[in-house]
Amino acid sequence: MASLEDELRLDEEENLRELAFIRSSLPAELKERFSDADILWLMDAIVEYYFTSGILESDDEEIDIDMEAIALQVCRQAEKDGAGEFAPADVFFIVQADLDFQEQNL
């Protein structure tokens, strides 16, 4: 059984792999617009959305994920939390890349 330190280290490594994947997936003009800290915050906000929206509790084999709605909610949360003001159209690319990463790493 892995220790808490091992699990935290593995989570951090996974986050860094996902960050690199998202950054490589972004259009060139967005790569400069988002810092690594911005992307990491957005990744956490996306996960939080999945947990609070009930998407993860669905029994359906195929789930319809509205990436535009996720991007909009994440932008609202970022502004509310003081994490920054992001355009939903820009965050959409991060939501899409996050989902692509998750699907590739199931």
Protein backbone atom coordinates (compact mmCIF):
# COMPACT_ATOMS: atom_id res chain seq x y z
CA MET A 1 0.00 0.00 0.00
CA ALA A 2 1.41 3.39 -1.01
CA SER A 3 2.05 5.99 1.64
CA LEU A 4 0.33 9.35 1.59
CA GLU A 5 3.59 10.93 0.42
CA ASP A 6 3.79 8.47 -2.47
CA GLU A 7 0.19 9.17 -3.47
CA LEU A 8 0.75 12.92 -3.35
CA ARG A 9 3.90 12.58 -5.44
CA LEU A 10 2.05 10.46 -8.01
CA ASP A 11 -0.82 12.98 -8.13
CA GLU A 12 1.65 15.80 -8.69
CA GLU A 13 3.39 13.86 -11.47
CA GLU A 14 0.03 13.14 -13.12
CA ASN A 15 -0.91 16.83 -12.89
CA LEU A 16 2.37 17.81 -14.54
CA ARG A 17 1.79 15.29 -17.36
CA GLU A 18 -1.71 16.65 -17.86
CA LEU A 19 -0.43 20.23 -17.77
CA ALA A 20 2.11 19.42 -20.50
CA PHE A 21 -0.59 17.69 -22.56
CA ILE A 22 -2.98 20.65 -22.25
CA ARG A 23 -0.25 23.16 -23.04
CA SER A 24 0.73 21.20 -26.16
CA SER A 25 -2.93 21.05 -27.23
CA LEU A 26 -3.59 24.79 -26.99
CA PRO A 27 -3.59 27.02 -30.05
CA ALA A 28 -0.43 29.13 -30.24
CA GLU A 29 -2.14 32.37 -29.22
CA LEU A 30 -3.49 30.77 -26.04
CA LYS A 31 -0.21 29.21 -24.96
CA GLU A 32 1.06 32.67 -24.01
CA ARG A 33 -2.23 33.78 -22.47
CA PHE A 34 -2.31 31.07 -19.78
CA SER A 35 0.42 30.53 -17.21
CA ASP A 36 1.08 27.07 -15.81
CA ALA A 37 -0.54 28.25 -12.56
CA ASP A 38 -3.65 29.33 -14.51
CA ILE A 39 -3.92 25.96 -16.22
CA LEU A 40 -3.41 24.05 -12.97
CA TRP A 41 -6.13 26.13 -11.30
CA LEU A 42 -8.46 25.54 -14.25
CA MET A 43 -7.75 21.79 -14.13
CA ASP A 44 -8.80 21.74 -10.47
CA ALA A 45 -11.91 23.80 -11.23
CA ILE A 46 -12.88 21.40 -14.03
CA VAL A 47 -12.55 18.43 -11.68
CA GLU A 48 -14.62 20.29 -9.08
CA TYR A 49 -17.29 20.90 -11.72
CA TYR A 50 -17.44 17.19 -12.54
CA PHE A 51 -17.87 16.30 -8.85
CA THR A 52 -20.51 18.93 -8.09
CA SER A 53 -22.51 18.61 -11.32
CA GLY A 54 -23.42 14.97 -10.81
CA ILE A 55 -21.85 13.90 -14.13
CA LEU A 56 -19.72 11.31 -12.35
CA GLU A 57 -22.76 9.75 -10.69
CA SER A 58 -24.53 8.94 -13.94
CA ASP A 59 -25.32 5.28 -14.64
CA ASP A 60 -25.49 5.93 -18.39
CA GLU A 61 -22.85 4.21 -20.49
CA GLU A 62 -22.42 7.35 -22.57
CA ILE A 63 -22.52 10.79 -20.95
CA ASP A 64 -23.13 13.99 -22.87
CA ILE A 65 -20.60 16.53 -21.61
CA ASP A 66 -21.37 20.15 -22.48
CA MET A 67 -17.86 21.60 -22.69
CA GLU A 68 -19.20 25.12 -23.28
CA ALA A 69 -21.23 24.96 -20.06
CA ILE A 70 -18.18 23.69 -18.18
CA ALA A 71 -16.01 26.49 -19.58
CA LEU A 72 -18.61 29.10 -18.63
CA GLN A 73 -18.98 27.75 -15.08
CA VAL A 74 -15.22 27.49 -14.60
CA CYS A 75 -14.81 31.12 -15.74
CA ARG A 76 -17.49 32.24 -13.29
CA GLN A 77 -15.77 30.32 -10.50
CA ALA A 78 -12.38 31.84 -11.39
CA GLU A 79 -13.80 35.35 -11.19
CA LYS A 80 -15.63 34.56 -7.93
CA ASP A 81 -12.48 33.06 -6.37
CA GLY A 82 -10.26 35.89 -7.61
CA ALA A 83 -8.25 33.47 -9.75
CA GLY A 84 -8.57 35.65 -12.82
CA GLU A 85 -10.89 36.67 -15.58
CA PHE A 86 -10.89 34.19 -18.43
CA ALA A 87 -12.91 34.08 -21.62
CA PRO A 88 -15.12 31.00 -21.87
CA ALA A 89 -14.12 30.61 -25.53
CA ASP A 90 -10.47 30.33 -24.43
CA VAL A 91 -11.16 28.06 -21.46
CA PHE A 92 -13.14 25.78 -23.79
CA PHE A 93 -9.82 24.62 -25.28
CA ILE A 94 -8.53 23.70 -21.83
CA VAL A 95 -11.75 21.83 -21.01
CA GLN A 96 -11.46 19.95 -24.30
CA ALA A 97 -7.79 19.08 -23.74
CA ASP A 98 -8.53 18.02 -20.15
CA LEU A 99 -11.25 15.66 -21.39
CA ASP A 100 -8.97 14.30 -24.12
CA PHE A 101 -6.25 13.64 -21.55
CA GLN A 102 -8.69 11.85 -19.23
CA GLU A 103 -10.02 9.69 -22.07
CA GLN A 104 -6.50 8.70 -23.13
CA ASN A 105 -5.53 7.78 -19.58
CA LEU A 106 -8.48 5.70 -18.46
